Amino acid sequence: MKTLQRIALVLVIIGAVNWGLIGFFRFDLVAAIFGGQTSAISRIIYALVGISGLACLPLLFQPTNENVKSTNRQSYGNLNYGTEFAEENDFSKLNDSSQSSYDKPTDKM
């Protein structure tokens, strides 16, 4: 079904470009290529573009990717963005093995 929707979308885009040319320049590209508005091939293309527009109507009601991203963001948990005035954690002693010798008192005095 995805292939049929993509073909329909391409035909709708072709129709939109053709209508844009008609609106701005009074030039009908489909009629110019296929021999006028009354030729059989032009009428078939106009009909296919119209049917494609109807076939693309369900695309209006499909969820967008923005909705999917917002639900995925919640799965990361609460993010803590520190500010200038927030307390910062001290990670200086996290992986430093040399710090352990400073923690123990020595008897060398």
C-alpha atoms as a PDB file:
ATOM      1  CA  MET A   1       0.000   0.000   0.000  1.00  0.00           C
ATOM      2  CA  LYS A   2       2.956   2.327   0.597  1.00  0.00           C
ATOM      3  CA  THR A   3       3.940   2.168  -3.072  1.00  0.00           C
ATOM      4  CA  LEU A   4       0.444   3.133  -4.198  1.00  0.00           C
ATOM      5  CA  GLN A   5       0.431   6.076  -1.761  1.00  0.00           C
ATOM      6  CA  ARG A   6       3.806   7.276  -3.031  1.00  0.00           C
ATOM      7  CA  ILE A   7       2.627   7.140  -6.642  1.00  0.00           C
ATOM      8  CA  ALA A   8      -0.516   9.027  -5.664  1.00  0.00           C
ATOM      9  CA  LEU A   9       1.557  11.629  -3.840  1.00  0.00           C
ATOM     10  CA  VAL A  10       3.795  12.139  -6.890  1.00  0.00           C
ATOM     11  CA  LEU A  11       0.736  12.653  -9.079  1.00  0.00           C
ATOM     12  CA  VAL A  12      -0.700  15.135  -6.586  1.00  0.00           C
ATOM     13  CA  ILE A  13       2.577  17.071  -6.645  1.00  0.00           C
ATOM     14  CA  ILE A  14       2.499  17.105 -10.444  1.00  0.00           C
ATOM     15  CA  GLY A  15      -1.049  18.442 -10.287  1.00  0.00           C
ATOM     16  CA  ALA A  16      -0.041  21.101  -7.762  1.00  0.00           C
ATOM     17  CA  VAL A  17       2.839  22.255  -9.967  1.00  0.00           C
ATOM     18  CA  ASN A  18       0.502  22.354 -12.974  1.00  0.00           C
ATOM     19  CA  TRP A  19      -2.060  24.428 -11.031  1.00  0.00           C
ATOM     20  CA  GLY A  20       0.716  26.744  -9.892  1.00  0.00           C
ATOM     21  CA  LEU A  21       1.793  27.289 -13.486  1.00  0.00           C
ATOM     22  CA  ILE A  22      -1.799  27.960 -14.503  1.00  0.00           C
ATOM     23  CA  GLY A  23      -2.283  30.412 -11.638  1.00  0.00           C
ATOM     24  CA  PHE A  24       0.934  32.366 -12.057  1.00  0.00           C
ATOM     25  CA  PHE A  25       1.639  32.195 -15.790  1.00  0.00           C
ATOM     26  CA  ARG A  26      -1.600  30.970 -17.430  1.00  0.00           C
ATOM     27  CA  PHE A  27       0.364  28.018 -18.781  1.00  0.00           C
ATOM     28  CA  ASP A  28      -1.065  24.493 -18.624  1.00  0.00           C
ATOM     29  CA  LEU A  29       1.952  22.172 -18.722  1.00  0.00           C
ATOM     30  CA  VAL A  30      -0.061  18.957 -19.089  1.00  0.00           C
ATOM     31  CA  ALA A  31      -2.036  20.413 -22.001  1.00  0.00           C
ATOM     32  CA  ALA A  32       1.156  21.715 -23.622  1.00  0.00           C
ATOM     33  CA  ILE A  33       2.890  18.336 -23.405  1.00  0.00           C
ATOM     34  CA  PHE A  34      -0.027  16.124 -24.401  1.00  0.00           C
ATOM     35  CA  GLY A  35      -1.786  18.182 -27.061  1.00  0.00           C
ATOM     36  CA  GLY A  36      -4.352  20.407 -25.362  1.00  0.00           C
ATOM     37  CA  GLN A  37      -6.897  20.088 -22.588  1.00  0.00           C
ATOM     38  CA  THR A  38      -9.374  18.115 -24.690  1.00  0.00           C
ATOM     39  CA  SER A  39      -6.975  15.373 -25.820  1.00  0.00           C
ATOM     40  CA  ALA A  40      -7.597  11.907 -24.392  1.00  0.00           C
ATOM     41  CA  ILE A  41      -4.172  11.611 -22.761  1.00  0.00           C
ATOM     42  CA  SER A  42      -4.517  15.000 -21.010  1.00  0.00           C
ATOM     43  CA  ARG A  43      -7.925  14.069 -19.689  1.00  0.00           C
ATOM     44  CA  ILE A  44      -6.578  10.744 -18.394  1.00  0.00           C
ATOM     45  CA  ILE A  45      -3.758  12.562 -16.571  1.00  0.00           C
ATOM     46  CA  TYR A  46      -6.233  15.060 -15.092  1.00  0.00           C
ATOM     47  CA  ALA A  47      -8.391  12.160 -13.923  1.00  0.00           C
ATOM     48  CA  LEU A  48      -5.402  10.321 -12.404  1.00  0.00           C
ATOM     49  CA  VAL A  49      -4.333  13.479 -10.543  1.00  0.00           C
ATOM     50  CA  GLY A  50      -7.877  13.882  -9.189  1.00  0.00           C
ATOM     51  CA  ILE A  51      -8.076  10.255  -8.059  1.00  0.00           C
ATOM     52  CA  SER A  52      -4.615  10.586  -6.500  1.00  0.00           C
ATOM     53  CA  GLY A  53      -5.819  13.583  -4.511  1.00  0.00           C
ATOM     54  CA  LEU A  54      -8.639  11.475  -3.103  1.00  0.00           C
ATOM     55  CA  ALA A  55      -6.234   8.627  -2.375  1.00  0.00           C
ATOM     56  CA  CYS A  56      -3.988  11.016  -0.377  1.00  0.00           C
ATOM     57  CA  LEU A  57      -6.810  12.133   1.923  1.00  0.00           C
ATOM     58  CA  PRO A  58      -5.966   9.488   4.580  1.00  0.00           C
ATOM     59  CA  LEU A  59      -2.505  11.072   4.883  1.00  0.00           C
ATOM     60  CA  LEU A  60      -4.199  14.015   6.599  1.00  0.00           C
ATOM     61  CA  PHE A  61      -5.348  11.823   9.463  1.00  0.00           C
ATOM     62  CA  GLN A  62      -2.168   9.804  10.052  1.00  0.00           C
ATOM     63  CA  PRO A  63      -0.104  10.730  13.122  1.00  0.00           C
ATOM     64  CA  THR A  64       2.983  12.768  12.405  1.00  0.00           C
ATOM     65  CA  ASN A  65       6.515  11.931  13.504  1.00  0.00           C
ATOM     66  CA  GLU A  66       6.416  14.815  15.991  1.00  0.00           C
ATOM     67  CA  ASN A  67       3.869  12.925  18.105  1.00  0.00           C
ATOM     68  CA  VAL A  68       6.057   9.824  18.106  1.00  0.00           C
ATOM     69  CA  LYS A  69       9.143  11.784  19.192  1.00  0.00           C
ATOM     70  CA  SER A  70       7.346  13.423  22.077  1.00  0.00           C
ATOM     71  CA  THR A  71       6.226  10.054  23.473  1.00  0.00           C
ATOM     72  CA  ASN A  72       9.747   8.617  23.136  1.00  0.00           C
ATOM     73  CA  ARG A  73      11.247  11.562  25.005  1.00  0.00           C
ATOM     74  CA  GLN A  74       9.301  10.661  28.130  1.00  0.00           C
ATOM     75  CA  SER A  75      11.006   7.279  28.337  1.00  0.00           C
ATOM     76  CA  TYR A  76      14.365   8.890  29.171  1.00  0.00           C
ATOM     77  CA  GLY A  77      13.152   9.994  32.570  1.00  0.00           C
ATOM     78  CA  ASN A  78      13.511  13.361  34.180  1.00  0.00           C
ATOM     79  CA  LEU A  79      16.527  15.219  32.886  1.00  0.00           C
ATOM     80  CA  ASN A  80      18.245  17.555  35.312  1.00  0.00           C
ATOM     81  CA  TYR A  81      19.649  20.588  33.561  1.00  0.00           C
ATOM     82  CA  GLY A  82      21.919  22.411  35.957  1.00  0.00           C
ATOM     83  CA  THR A  83      21.921  26.163  36.053  1.00  0.00           C
ATOM     84  CA  GLU A  84      24.378  28.727  37.218  1.00  0.00           C
ATOM     85  CA  PHE A  85      22.959  28.669  40.737  1.00  0.00           C
ATOM     86  CA  ALA A  86      22.453  24.927  41.139  1.00  0.00           C
ATOM     87  CA  GLU A  87      24.672  22.714  43.225  1.00  0.00           C
ATOM     88  CA  GLU A  88      27.055  20.585  41.257  1.00  0.00           C
ATOM     89  CA  ASN A  89      28.075  17.069  42.173  1.00  0.00           C
ATOM     90  CA  ASP A  90      31.733  16.409  42.909  1.00  0.00           C
ATOM     91  CA  PHE A  91      32.965  13.768  40.498  1.00  0.00           C
ATOM     92  CA  SER A  92      36.670  14.424  41.026  1.00  0.00           C
ATOM     93  CA  LYS A  93      37.126  11.321  43.235  1.00  0.00           C
ATOM     94  CA  LEU A  94      35.017   9.010  41.139  1.00  0.00           C
ATOM     95  CA  ASN A  95      37.699   7.050  39.247  1.00  0.00           C
ATOM     96  CA  ASP A  96      40.864   8.380  40.813  1.00  0.00           C
ATOM     97  CA  SER A  97      42.675   5.560  42.631  1.00  0.00           C
ATOM     98  CA  SER A  98      45.371   7.915  43.945  1.00  0.00           C
ATOM     99  CA  GLN A  99      42.769   9.712  46.079  1.00  0.00           C
ATOM    100  CA  SER A 100      42.401   6.657  48.309  1.00  0.00           C
ATOM    101  CA  SER A 101      45.882   7.234  49.784  1.00  0.00           C
ATOM    102  CA  TYR A 102      44.864  10.721  50.903  1.00  0.00           C
ATOM    103  CA  ASP A 103      41.870   9.385  52.741  1.00  0.00           C
ATOM    104  CA  LYS A 104      43.934   7.133  55.069  1.00  0.00           C
ATOM    105  CA  PRO A 105      46.009   8.670  57.819  1.00  0.00           C
ATOM    106  CA  THR A 106      49.689   7.858  57.739  1.00  0.00           C
ATOM    107  CA  ASP A 107      52.062   7.333  60.696  1.00  0.00           C
ATOM    108  CA  LYS A 108      55.225   8.771  59.115  1.00  0.00           C
ATOM    109  CA  MET A 109      55.488  11.735  61.434  1.00  0.00           C
END
